[in-house]
């Protein structure tokens, strides 16, 4: 009996972009964005620019909503009926109930077929890296159980971090105090947010850079990549929430080339789910490290 083909799937906040989505034939399932009490579908009928405009013009703050078990069940079921085994990578369980809800759906669908759900313990291209690793293994013809085992083993080695240009969106969403935001603005601080994969994707504040955004980003890239020998050089992501000056992204890509010989430097823009929490001009460099 031949093995079933594999359908690779992920939540939209993996932020891998259209080119990698096509390369690895990934099916992306979008989260919900709620703005002015109206529900939108991330990346379908709303953009990050729409969210920023709503905040700057009328102080309307978006909310995000996870995919519920019934939605996952309805999403997975047609693929199972077509004969696929499904590998689905979810937004970190420390950030969202997506993983738990996808697991519930997979249990409900057991009689129809196999849905393997991986907790990325990360966000944005922190788990986009894992989606690509799964995609490479699907292309090699590995079976689903082996892919799940190997990709799950890589979870502790994702490195995801970002620099925030403004704390206004974090403060408005209750993720930092007004006093912290005012202090950071007065001192022109650009804080780094670190995604902790040992805490299922929870975020903590890292190093703070003082000064304008562009030089702060260059220092951040140095701190992330310079003289490191533990980095997997297959791929690095530059992921941002929309930059006022896109030339900064090109400068960062050139600087990355000076520091490390990555096989591929991929620029992607963050989904609304990510952008709604961090605001514009947020940028991160995300990569894998070598297993110890």
C-alpha atoms as a PDB file:
ATOM      1  CA  UNK A   1       0.000   0.000   0.000  1.00  0.00           C
ATOM      2  CA  UNK A   2       1.493   3.329  -1.046  1.00  0.00           C
ATOM      3  CA  UNK A   3       1.813   6.094   1.513  1.00  0.00           C
ATOM      4  CA  UNK A   4      -0.541   9.035   1.419  1.00  0.00           C
ATOM      5  CA  UNK A   5       0.656  12.334  -0.083  1.00  0.00           C
ATOM      6  CA  UNK A   6       1.395  15.137   2.374  1.00  0.00           C
ATOM      7  CA  UNK A   7      -0.374  18.482   2.530  1.00  0.00           C
ATOM      8  CA  UNK A   8       1.832  21.079   4.254  1.00  0.00           C
ATOM      9  CA  UNK A   9      -0.166  23.691   6.109  1.00  0.00           C
ATOM     10  CA  UNK A  10       0.452  26.605   8.495  1.00  0.00           C
ATOM     11  CA  UNK A  11      -1.208  29.544  10.203  1.00  0.00           C
ATOM     12  CA  UNK A  12      -0.781  32.817   8.267  1.00  0.00           C
ATOM     13  CA  UNK A  13       1.497  34.476  10.870  1.00  0.00           C
ATOM     14  CA  UNK A  14       4.361  32.282   9.598  1.00  0.00           C
ATOM     15  CA  UNK A  15       4.903  35.210   7.177  1.00  0.00           C
ATOM     16  CA  UNK A  16       6.824  33.185   4.568  1.00  0.00           C
ATOM     17  CA  UNK A  17       5.665  35.272   1.593  1.00  0.00           C
ATOM     18  CA  UNK A  18       4.263  34.241  -1.771  1.00  0.00           C
ATOM     19  CA  UNK A  19       7.465  32.854  -3.302  1.00  0.00           C
ATOM     20  CA  UNK A  20       8.174  30.345  -0.517  1.00  0.00           C
ATOM     21  CA  UNK A  21       4.489  29.511  -0.205  1.00  0.00           C
ATOM     22  CA  UNK A  22       4.541  28.472  -3.867  1.00  0.00           C
ATOM     23  CA  UNK A  23       7.931  26.755  -3.648  1.00  0.00           C
ATOM     24  CA  UNK A  24       6.798  24.463  -0.843  1.00  0.00           C
ATOM     25  CA  UNK A  25       3.104  24.336  -1.844  1.00  0.00           C
ATOM     26  CA  UNK A  26       1.984  25.499   1.595  1.00  0.00           C
ATOM     27  CA  UNK A  27      -1.682  25.963   2.387  1.00  0.00           C
ATOM     28  CA  UNK A  28      -2.039  28.926   4.749  1.00  0.00           C
ATOM     29  CA  UNK A  29      -5.021  29.315   7.058  1.00  0.00           C
ATOM     30  CA  UNK A  30      -5.674  32.940   8.049  1.00  0.00           C
ATOM     31  CA  UNK A  31      -6.435  34.242  11.515  1.00  0.00           C
ATOM     32  CA  UNK A  32      -9.132  36.820  12.215  1.00  0.00           C
ATOM     33  CA  UNK A  33      -8.648  40.558  12.650  1.00  0.00           C
ATOM     34  CA  UNK A  34     -11.342  42.558  14.424  1.00  0.00           C
ATOM     35  CA  UNK A  35     -11.386  46.307  13.780  1.00  0.00           C
ATOM     36  CA  UNK A  36     -14.217  48.679  14.703  1.00  0.00           C
ATOM     37  CA  UNK A  37     -16.244  45.588  15.698  1.00  0.00           C
ATOM     38  CA  UNK A  38     -16.047  44.226  12.158  1.00  0.00           C
ATOM     39  CA  UNK A  39     -14.278  40.922  11.498  1.00  0.00           C
ATOM     40  CA  UNK A  40     -11.722  40.642   8.710  1.00  0.00           C
ATOM     41  CA  UNK A  41      -9.549  37.823   7.369  1.00  0.00           C
ATOM     42  CA  UNK A  42      -5.819  38.396   7.751  1.00  0.00           C
ATOM     43  CA  UNK A  43      -4.210  39.093   4.391  1.00  0.00           C
ATOM     44  CA  UNK A  44      -7.475  38.708   2.471  1.00  0.00           C
ATOM     45  CA  UNK A  45      -9.569  41.814   3.045  1.00  0.00           C
ATOM     46  CA  UNK A  46      -7.352  43.889   5.333  1.00  0.00           C
ATOM     47  CA  UNK A  47      -3.708  44.993   5.317  1.00  0.00           C
ATOM     48  CA  UNK A  48      -1.263  46.241   7.912  1.00  0.00           C
ATOM     49  CA  UNK A  49      -1.497  49.703   6.351  1.00  0.00           C
ATOM     50  CA  UNK A  50      -5.257  49.657   7.045  1.00  0.00           C
ATOM     51  CA  UNK A  51      -4.571  48.912  10.705  1.00  0.00           C
ATOM     52  CA  UNK A  52      -2.072  51.726  11.101  1.00  0.00           C
ATOM     53  CA  UNK A  53      -4.385  54.186   9.380  1.00  0.00           C
ATOM     54  CA  UNK A  54      -7.253  53.261  11.721  1.00  0.00           C
ATOM     55  CA  UNK A  55      -5.033  53.903  14.728  1.00  0.00           C
ATOM     56  CA  UNK A  56      -3.472  57.169  13.584  1.00  0.00           C
ATOM     57  CA  UNK A  57      -6.768  58.626  12.310  1.00  0.00           C
ATOM     58  CA  UNK A  58      -9.262  57.518  14.969  1.00  0.00           C
ATOM     59  CA  UNK A  59      -7.340  55.549  17.609  1.00  0.00           C
ATOM     60  CA  UNK A  60      -9.106  52.320  16.648  1.00  0.00           C
ATOM     61  CA  UNK A  61      -6.995  49.394  17.804  1.00  0.00           C
ATOM     62  CA  UNK A  62      -7.379  46.029  16.098  1.00  0.00           C
ATOM     63  CA  UNK A  63      -7.789  42.776  17.981  1.00  0.00           C
ATOM     64  CA  UNK A  64      -6.742  39.371  16.746  1.00  0.00           C
ATOM     65  CA  UNK A  65      -8.723  36.169  17.128  1.00  0.00           C
ATOM     66  CA  UNK A  66      -7.468  32.606  16.899  1.00  0.00           C
ATOM     67  CA  UNK A  67      -8.955  30.002  14.602  1.00  0.00           C
ATOM     68  CA  UNK A  68     -11.425  27.892  16.579  1.00  0.00           C
ATOM     69  CA  UNK A  69     -11.587  24.069  16.515  1.00  0.00           C
ATOM     70  CA  UNK A  70     -14.641  23.963  14.249  1.00  0.00           C
ATOM     71  CA  UNK A  71     -12.919  26.201  11.684  1.00  0.00           C
ATOM     72  CA  UNK A  72      -9.831  23.994  11.710  1.00  0.00           C
ATOM     73  CA  UNK A  73     -12.037  20.917  11.327  1.00  0.00           C
ATOM     74  CA  UNK A  74     -13.776  22.423   8.302  1.00  0.00           C
ATOM     75  CA  UNK A  75     -10.418  23.447   6.843  1.00  0.00           C
ATOM     76  CA  UNK A  76      -8.649  20.089   7.327  1.00  0.00           C
ATOM     77  CA  UNK A  77     -11.533  17.807   6.344  1.00  0.00           C
ATOM     78  CA  UNK A  78     -11.530  18.359   2.539  1.00  0.00           C
ATOM     79  CA  UNK A  79      -7.787  17.630   2.349  1.00  0.00           C
ATOM     80  CA  UNK A  80      -8.239  14.398   4.288  1.00  0.00           C
ATOM     81  CA  UNK A  81     -11.072  13.377   1.970  1.00  0.00           C
ATOM     82  CA  UNK A  82      -8.733  13.976  -0.981  1.00  0.00           C
ATOM     83  CA  UNK A  83      -6.347  11.413   0.534  1.00  0.00           C
ATOM     84  CA  UNK A  84      -3.725  13.669   2.133  1.00  0.00           C
ATOM     85  CA  UNK A  85      -1.910  13.358   5.419  1.00  0.00           C
ATOM     86  CA  UNK A  86      -1.696  16.897   6.830  1.00  0.00           C
ATOM     87  CA  UNK A  87       1.244  18.483   8.628  1.00  0.00           C
ATOM     88  CA  UNK A  88       0.129  21.773  10.166  1.00  0.00           C
ATOM     89  CA  UNK A  89       2.466  24.228  11.902  1.00  0.00           C
ATOM     90  CA  UNK A  90       0.819  26.569  14.363  1.00  0.00           C
ATOM     91  CA  UNK A  91       1.579  29.904  15.946  1.00  0.00           C
ATOM     92  CA  UNK A  92       3.298  29.336  19.298  1.00  0.00           C
ATOM     93  CA  UNK A  93       1.000  28.049  22.033  1.00  0.00           C
ATOM     94  CA  UNK A  94       2.373  30.659  24.433  1.00  0.00           C
ATOM     95  CA  UNK A  95       0.879  33.365  22.216  1.00  0.00           C
ATOM     96  CA  UNK A  96      -2.360  31.915  20.899  1.00  0.00           C
ATOM     97  CA  UNK A  97      -4.834  29.048  21.272  1.00  0.00           C
ATOM     98  CA  UNK A  98      -4.333  28.089  17.590  1.00  0.00           C
ATOM     99  CA  UNK A  99      -2.170  25.077  18.434  1.00  0.00           C
ATOM    100  CA  UNK A 100      -4.597  23.714  21.020  1.00  0.00           C
ATOM    101  CA  UNK A 101      -7.562  24.297  18.703  1.00  0.00           C
ATOM    102  CA  UNK A 102      -5.855  22.594  15.763  1.00  0.00           C
ATOM    103  CA  UNK A 103      -5.071  19.639  18.030  1.00  0.00           C
ATOM    104  CA  UNK A 104      -8.718  19.376  19.041  1.00  0.00           C
ATOM    105  CA  UNK A 105      -9.721  19.352  15.368  1.00  0.00           C
ATOM    106  CA  UNK A 106      -7.137  16.671  14.569  1.00  0.00           C
ATOM    107  CA  UNK A 107      -8.618  14.427  17.269  1.00  0.00           C
ATOM    108  CA  UNK A 108     -12.125  14.947  15.941  1.00  0.00           C
ATOM    109  CA  UNK A 109     -10.959  13.975  12.450  1.00  0.00           C
ATOM    110  CA  UNK A 110      -9.045  10.821  13.404  1.00  0.00           C
ATOM    111  CA  UNK A 111     -11.434   8.547  11.537  1.00  0.00           C
ATOM    112  CA  UNK A 112     -10.912  10.554   8.333  1.00  0.00           C
ATOM    113  CA  UNK A 113      -7.110  10.554   8.411  1.00  0.00           C
ATOM    114  CA  UNK A 114      -3.948  11.968   9.964  1.00  0.00           C
ATOM    115  CA  UNK A 115      -3.483  15.592  10.944  1.00  0.00           C
ATOM    116  CA  UNK A 116      -0.101  16.177  12.593  1.00  0.00           C
ATOM    117  CA  UNK A 117       0.039  19.506  14.442  1.00  0.00           C
ATOM    118  CA  UNK A 118       3.384  21.052  15.405  1.00  0.00           C
ATOM    119  CA  UNK A 119       3.626  23.773  18.047  1.00  0.00           C
ATOM    120  CA  UNK A 120       6.185  26.152  16.541  1.00  0.00           C
ATOM    121  CA  UNK A 121       6.769  27.842  19.920  1.00  0.00           C
ATOM    122  CA  UNK A 122       7.416  30.970  17.854  1.00  0.00           C
ATOM    123  CA  UNK A 123       5.846  33.618  15.669  1.00  0.00           C
ATOM    124  CA  UNK A 124       6.286  35.185  12.243  1.00  0.00           C
ATOM    125  CA  UNK A 125       9.196  33.754  10.263  1.00  0.00           C
ATOM    126  CA  UNK A 126      10.509  32.263  13.496  1.00  0.00           C
ATOM    127  CA  UNK A 127       8.102  29.494  12.628  1.00  0.00           C
ATOM    128  CA  UNK A 128       8.260  30.252   8.929  1.00  0.00           C
ATOM    129  CA  UNK A 129      11.738  28.745   9.152  1.00  0.00           C
ATOM    130  CA  UNK A 130      10.158  25.514  10.383  1.00  0.00           C
ATOM    131  CA  UNK A 131       7.576  25.575   7.591  1.00  0.00           C
ATOM    132  CA  UNK A 132      10.427  25.757   5.064  1.00  0.00           C
ATOM    133  CA  UNK A 133      12.277  22.921   6.799  1.00  0.00           C
ATOM    134  CA  UNK A 134       9.122  20.802   6.592  1.00  0.00           C
ATOM    135  CA  UNK A 135       8.739  21.769   2.937  1.00  0.00           C
ATOM    136  CA  UNK A 136      12.260  20.621   2.126  1.00  0.00           C
ATOM    137  CA  UNK A 137      11.527  17.247   3.700  1.00  0.00           C
ATOM    138  CA  UNK A 138       8.228  16.870   1.866  1.00  0.00           C
ATOM    139  CA  UNK A 139      10.089  17.482  -1.410  1.00  0.00           C
ATOM    140  CA  UNK A 140      12.585  14.739  -0.482  1.00  0.00           C
ATOM    141  CA  UNK A 141       9.731  12.267  -0.074  1.00  0.00           C
ATOM    142  CA  UNK A 142      10.064  11.629   3.670  1.00  0.00           C
ATOM    143  CA  UNK A 143       6.992  10.222   5.376  1.00  0.00           C
ATOM    144  CA  UNK A 144       4.857  12.427   7.581  1.00  0.00           C
ATOM    145  CA  UNK A 145       5.889  10.884  10.910  1.00  0.00           C
ATOM    146  CA  UNK A 146       9.589  11.386  10.161  1.00  0.00           C
ATOM    147  CA  UNK A 147       9.042  14.991   9.028  1.00  0.00           C
ATOM    148  CA  UNK A 148       7.106  15.806  12.179  1.00  0.00           C
ATOM    149  CA  UNK A 149       9.808  14.244  14.342  1.00  0.00           C
ATOM    150  CA  UNK A 150      12.652  16.091  12.599  1.00  0.00           C
ATOM    151  CA  UNK A 151      10.928  19.487  12.442  1.00  0.00           C
ATOM    152  CA  UNK A 152       9.783  19.279  16.062  1.00  0.00           C
ATOM    153  CA  UNK A 153      13.410  18.636  17.028  1.00  0.00           C
ATOM    154  CA  UNK A 154      14.353  21.958  15.362  1.00  0.00           C
ATOM    155  CA  UNK A 155      11.881  24.039  17.412  1.00  0.00           C
ATOM    156  CA  UNK A 156      14.438  24.955  20.137  1.00  0.00           C
ATOM    157  CA  UNK A 157      16.848  26.240  17.500  1.00  0.00           C
ATOM    158  CA  UNK A 158      14.730  29.002  15.955  1.00  0.00           C
ATOM    159  CA  UNK A 159      15.965  32.509  16.683  1.00  0.00           C
ATOM    160  CA  UNK A 160      13.288  35.179  16.386  1.00  0.00           C
ATOM    161  CA  UNK A 161      13.648  38.788  17.492  1.00  0.00           C
ATOM    162  CA  UNK A 162      12.536  42.231  16.379  1.00  0.00           C
ATOM    163  CA  UNK A 163      13.309  45.896  16.966  1.00  0.00           C
ATOM    164  CA  UNK A 164      10.360  48.170  17.641  1.00  0.00           C
ATOM    165  CA  UNK A 165      10.397  51.730  16.334  1.00  0.00           C
ATOM    166  CA  UNK A 166       7.500  52.714  18.577  1.00  0.00           C
ATOM    167  CA  UNK A 167       5.908  51.262  21.692  1.00  0.00           C
ATOM    168  CA  UNK A 168       2.581  52.959  20.987  1.00  0.00           C
ATOM    169  CA  UNK A 169       0.893  49.824  19.667  1.00  0.00           C
ATOM    170  CA  UNK A 170       2.276  47.677  22.473  1.00  0.00           C
ATOM    171  CA  UNK A 171       1.018  50.205  25.025  1.00  0.00           C
ATOM    172  CA  UNK A 172      -2.399  50.521  23.388  1.00  0.00           C
ATOM    173  CA  UNK A 173      -2.726  46.741  23.456  1.00  0.00           C
ATOM    174  CA  UNK A 174      -1.824  46.590  27.138  1.00  0.00           C
ATOM    175  CA  UNK A 175       1.587  45.022  26.594  1.00  0.00           C
ATOM    176  CA  UNK A 176       3.585  47.854  28.150  1.00  0.00           C
ATOM    177  CA  UNK A 177       2.732  50.755  30.426  1.00  0.00           C
ATOM    178  CA  UNK A 178       2.242  54.356  29.343  1.00  0.00           C
ATOM    179  CA  UNK A 179       5.178  55.310  31.554  1.00  0.00           C
ATOM    180  CA  UNK A 180       7.426  52.806  29.785  1.00  0.00           C
ATOM    181  CA  UNK A 181       6.324  54.089  26.395  1.00  0.00           C
ATOM    182  CA  UNK A 182       6.866  57.746  27.319  1.00  0.00           C
ATOM    183  CA  UNK A 183      10.271  56.966  28.791  1.00  0.00           C
ATOM    184  CA  UNK A 184      11.344  55.091  25.673  1.00  0.00           C
ATOM    185  CA  UNK A 185      10.135  57.925  23.431  1.00  0.00           C
ATOM    186  CA  UNK A 186      11.912  60.611  25.465  1.00  0.00           C
ATOM    187  CA  UNK A 187      15.183  58.676  25.411  1.00  0.00           C
ATOM    188  CA  UNK A 188      14.710  57.615  21.773  1.00  0.00           C
ATOM    189  CA  UNK A 189      15.086  53.963  22.736  1.00  0.00           C
ATOM    190  CA  UNK A 190      14.484  51.130  20.284  1.00  0.00           C
ATOM    191  CA  UNK A 191      13.825  47.962  22.304  1.00  0.00           C
ATOM    192  CA  UNK A 192      14.426  44.458  21.020  1.00  0.00           C
ATOM    193  CA  UNK A 193      11.669  41.897  21.533  1.00  0.00           C
ATOM    194  CA  UNK A 194      12.921  38.327  21.900  1.00  0.00           C
ATOM    195  CA  UNK A 195      10.671  35.340  21.183  1.00  0.00           C
ATOM    196  CA  UNK A 196      11.343  32.597  23.728  1.00  0.00           C
ATOM    197  CA  UNK A 197      10.843  29.189  22.139  1.00  0.00           C
ATOM    198  CA  UNK A 198      11.502  27.615  25.542  1.00  0.00           C
ATOM    199  CA  UNK A 199       8.342  29.401  26.677  1.00  0.00           C
ATOM    200  CA  UNK A 200       6.189  28.363  23.696  1.00  0.00           C
ATOM    201  CA  UNK A 201       6.710  31.709  21.961  1.00  0.00           C
ATOM    202  CA  UNK A 202       6.253  34.132  24.842  1.00  0.00           C
ATOM    203  CA  UNK A 203       7.990  37.465  24.304  1.00  0.00           C
ATOM    204  CA  UNK A 204      10.486  39.265  26.524  1.00  0.00           C
ATOM    205  CA  UNK A 205      12.353  42.556  26.186  1.00  0.00           C
ATOM    206  CA  UNK A 206      15.984  42.278  25.129  1.00  0.00           C
ATOM    207  CA  UNK A 207      18.663  44.848  24.447  1.00  0.00           C
ATOM    208  CA  UNK A 208      17.625  48.472  23.979  1.00  0.00           C
ATOM    209  CA  UNK A 209      19.294  50.636  21.355  1.00  0.00           C
ATOM    210  CA  UNK A 210      19.458  54.416  21.609  1.00  0.00           C
ATOM    211  CA  UNK A 211      19.142  56.713  18.634  1.00  0.00           C
ATOM    212  CA  UNK A 212      17.589  56.696  15.181  1.00  0.00           C
ATOM    213  CA  UNK A 213      16.098  53.573  13.686  1.00  0.00           C
ATOM    214  CA  UNK A 214      18.566  52.845  10.846  1.00  0.00           C
ATOM    215  CA  UNK A 215      21.778  52.826  12.933  1.00  0.00           C
ATOM    216  CA  UNK A 216      19.962  50.960  15.725  1.00  0.00           C
ATOM    217  CA  UNK A 217      18.982  48.256  13.247  1.00  0.00           C
ATOM    218  CA  UNK A 218      22.563  47.919  12.018  1.00  0.00           C
ATOM    219  CA  UNK A 219      23.788  47.446  15.591  1.00  0.00           C
ATOM    220  CA  UNK A 220      21.035  44.900  16.166  1.00  0.00           C
ATOM    221  CA  UNK A 221      22.067  42.924  13.070  1.00  0.00           C
ATOM    222  CA  UNK A 222      25.674  42.945  14.300  1.00  0.00           C
ATOM    223  CA  UNK A 223      24.558  41.616  17.676  1.00  0.00           C
ATOM    224  CA  UNK A 224      22.537  38.874  16.039  1.00  0.00           C
ATOM    225  CA  UNK A 225      25.010  37.666  13.404  1.00  0.00           C
ATOM    226  CA  UNK A 226      28.559  38.961  13.790  1.00  0.00           C
ATOM    227  CA  UNK A 227      31.278  36.341  14.325  1.00  0.00           C
ATOM    228  CA  UNK A 228      28.783  33.574  15.098  1.00  0.00           C
ATOM    229  CA  UNK A 229      29.638  30.013  14.104  1.00  0.00           C
ATOM    230  CA  UNK A 230      26.453  28.349  15.363  1.00  0.00           C
ATOM    231  CA  UNK A 231      24.118  29.601  12.616  1.00  0.00           C
ATOM    232  CA  UNK A 232      22.534  27.401   9.938  1.00  0.00           C
ATOM    233  CA  UNK A 233      23.443  29.275   6.772  1.00  0.00           C
ATOM    234  CA  UNK A 234      20.740  27.905   4.486  1.00  0.00           C
ATOM    235  CA  UNK A 235      18.367  30.816   4.968  1.00  0.00           C
ATOM    236  CA  UNK A 236      17.782  34.032   6.902  1.00  0.00           C
ATOM    237  CA  UNK A 237      14.604  36.083   6.956  1.00  0.00           C
ATOM    238  CA  UNK A 238      14.354  39.847   7.105  1.00  0.00           C
ATOM    239  CA  UNK A 239      10.765  40.337   8.193  1.00  0.00           C
ATOM    240  CA  UNK A 240       9.191  43.724   8.787  1.00  0.00           C
ATOM    241  CA  UNK A 241       5.801  45.253   9.451  1.00  0.00           C
ATOM    242  CA  UNK A 242       6.064  47.837   6.666  1.00  0.00           C
ATOM    243  CA  UNK A 243       8.931  50.332   6.527  1.00  0.00           C
ATOM    244  CA  UNK A 244       8.563  54.053   5.847  1.00  0.00           C
ATOM    245  CA  UNK A 245      11.938  53.916   4.117  1.00  0.00           C
ATOM    246  CA  UNK A 246      12.421  50.627   2.283  1.00  0.00           C
ATOM    247  CA  UNK A 247      16.050  51.491   1.549  1.00  0.00           C
ATOM    248  CA  UNK A 248      16.782  50.461   5.148  1.00  0.00           C
ATOM    249  CA  UNK A 249      15.815  46.886   4.276  1.00  0.00           C
ATOM    250  CA  UNK A 250      18.263  46.844   1.365  1.00  0.00           C
ATOM    251  CA  UNK A 251      21.010  48.213   3.617  1.00  0.00           C
ATOM    252  CA  UNK A 252      20.335  45.472   6.154  1.00  0.00           C
ATOM    253  CA  UNK A 253      20.431  42.769   3.464  1.00  0.00           C
ATOM    254  CA  UNK A 254      23.810  44.071   2.275  1.00  0.00           C
ATOM    255  CA  UNK A 255      25.106  44.164   5.846  1.00  0.00           C
ATOM    256  CA  UNK A 256      23.961  40.583   6.429  1.00  0.00           C
ATOM    257  CA  UNK A 257      25.976  39.522   3.362  1.00  0.00           C
ATOM    258  CA  UNK A 258      29.047  41.117   4.945  1.00  0.00           C
ATOM    259  CA  UNK A 259      28.558  39.206   8.195  1.00  0.00           C
ATOM    260  CA  UNK A 260      27.457  35.712   7.112  1.00  0.00           C
ATOM    261  CA  UNK A 261      27.353  33.693   3.879  1.00  0.00           C
ATOM    262  CA  UNK A 262      23.685  32.747   3.879  1.00  0.00           C
ATOM    263  CA  UNK A 263      22.488  30.746   0.914  1.00  0.00           C
ATOM    264  CA  UNK A 264      19.271  32.746   0.800  1.00  0.00           C
ATOM    265  CA  UNK A 265      18.210  36.098   2.258  1.00  0.00           C
ATOM    266  CA  UNK A 266      14.422  36.352   2.160  1.00  0.00           C
ATOM    267  CA  UNK A 267      12.533  39.573   2.772  1.00  0.00           C
ATOM    268  CA  UNK A 268       8.902  39.211   3.862  1.00  0.00           C
ATOM    269  CA  UNK A 269       6.277  41.486   5.328  1.00  0.00           C
ATOM    270  CA  UNK A 270       4.569  40.520   8.559  1.00  0.00           C
ATOM    271  CA  UNK A 271       0.920  39.536   8.581  1.00  0.00           C
ATOM    272  CA  UNK A 272      -1.731  41.749  10.162  1.00  0.00           C
ATOM    273  CA  UNK A 273      -1.746  39.410  13.158  1.00  0.00           C
ATOM    274  CA  UNK A 274       1.870  40.316  13.898  1.00  0.00           C
ATOM    275  CA  UNK A 275       1.780  43.947  12.718  1.00  0.00           C
ATOM    276  CA  UNK A 276      -1.242  44.830  14.838  1.00  0.00           C
ATOM    277  CA  UNK A 277       0.801  44.264  17.996  1.00  0.00           C
ATOM    278  CA  UNK A 278       4.124  45.816  17.022  1.00  0.00           C
ATOM    279  CA  UNK A 279       3.237  48.770  14.792  1.00  0.00           C
ATOM    280  CA  UNK A 280       5.014  50.119  11.696  1.00  0.00           C
ATOM    281  CA  UNK A 281       8.786  50.101  11.115  1.00  0.00           C
ATOM    282  CA  UNK A 282       9.305  46.957  13.165  1.00  0.00           C
ATOM    283  CA  UNK A 283      11.992  44.705  11.703  1.00  0.00           C
ATOM    284  CA  UNK A 284      13.601  41.426  12.655  1.00  0.00           C
ATOM    285  CA  UNK A 285      16.317  39.068  11.461  1.00  0.00           C
ATOM    286  CA  UNK A 286      15.311  35.424  11.957  1.00  0.00           C
ATOM    287  CA  UNK A 287      17.340  32.254  11.472  1.00  0.00           C
ATOM    288  CA  UNK A 288      18.075  28.763  12.746  1.00  0.00           C
ATOM    289  CA  UNK A 289      21.026  27.715  14.862  1.00  0.00           C
ATOM    290  CA  UNK A 290      22.781  24.356  14.729  1.00  0.00           C
ATOM    291  CA  UNK A 291      21.630  21.576  17.061  1.00  0.00           C
ATOM    292  CA  UNK A 292      24.058  21.206  19.943  1.00  0.00           C
END
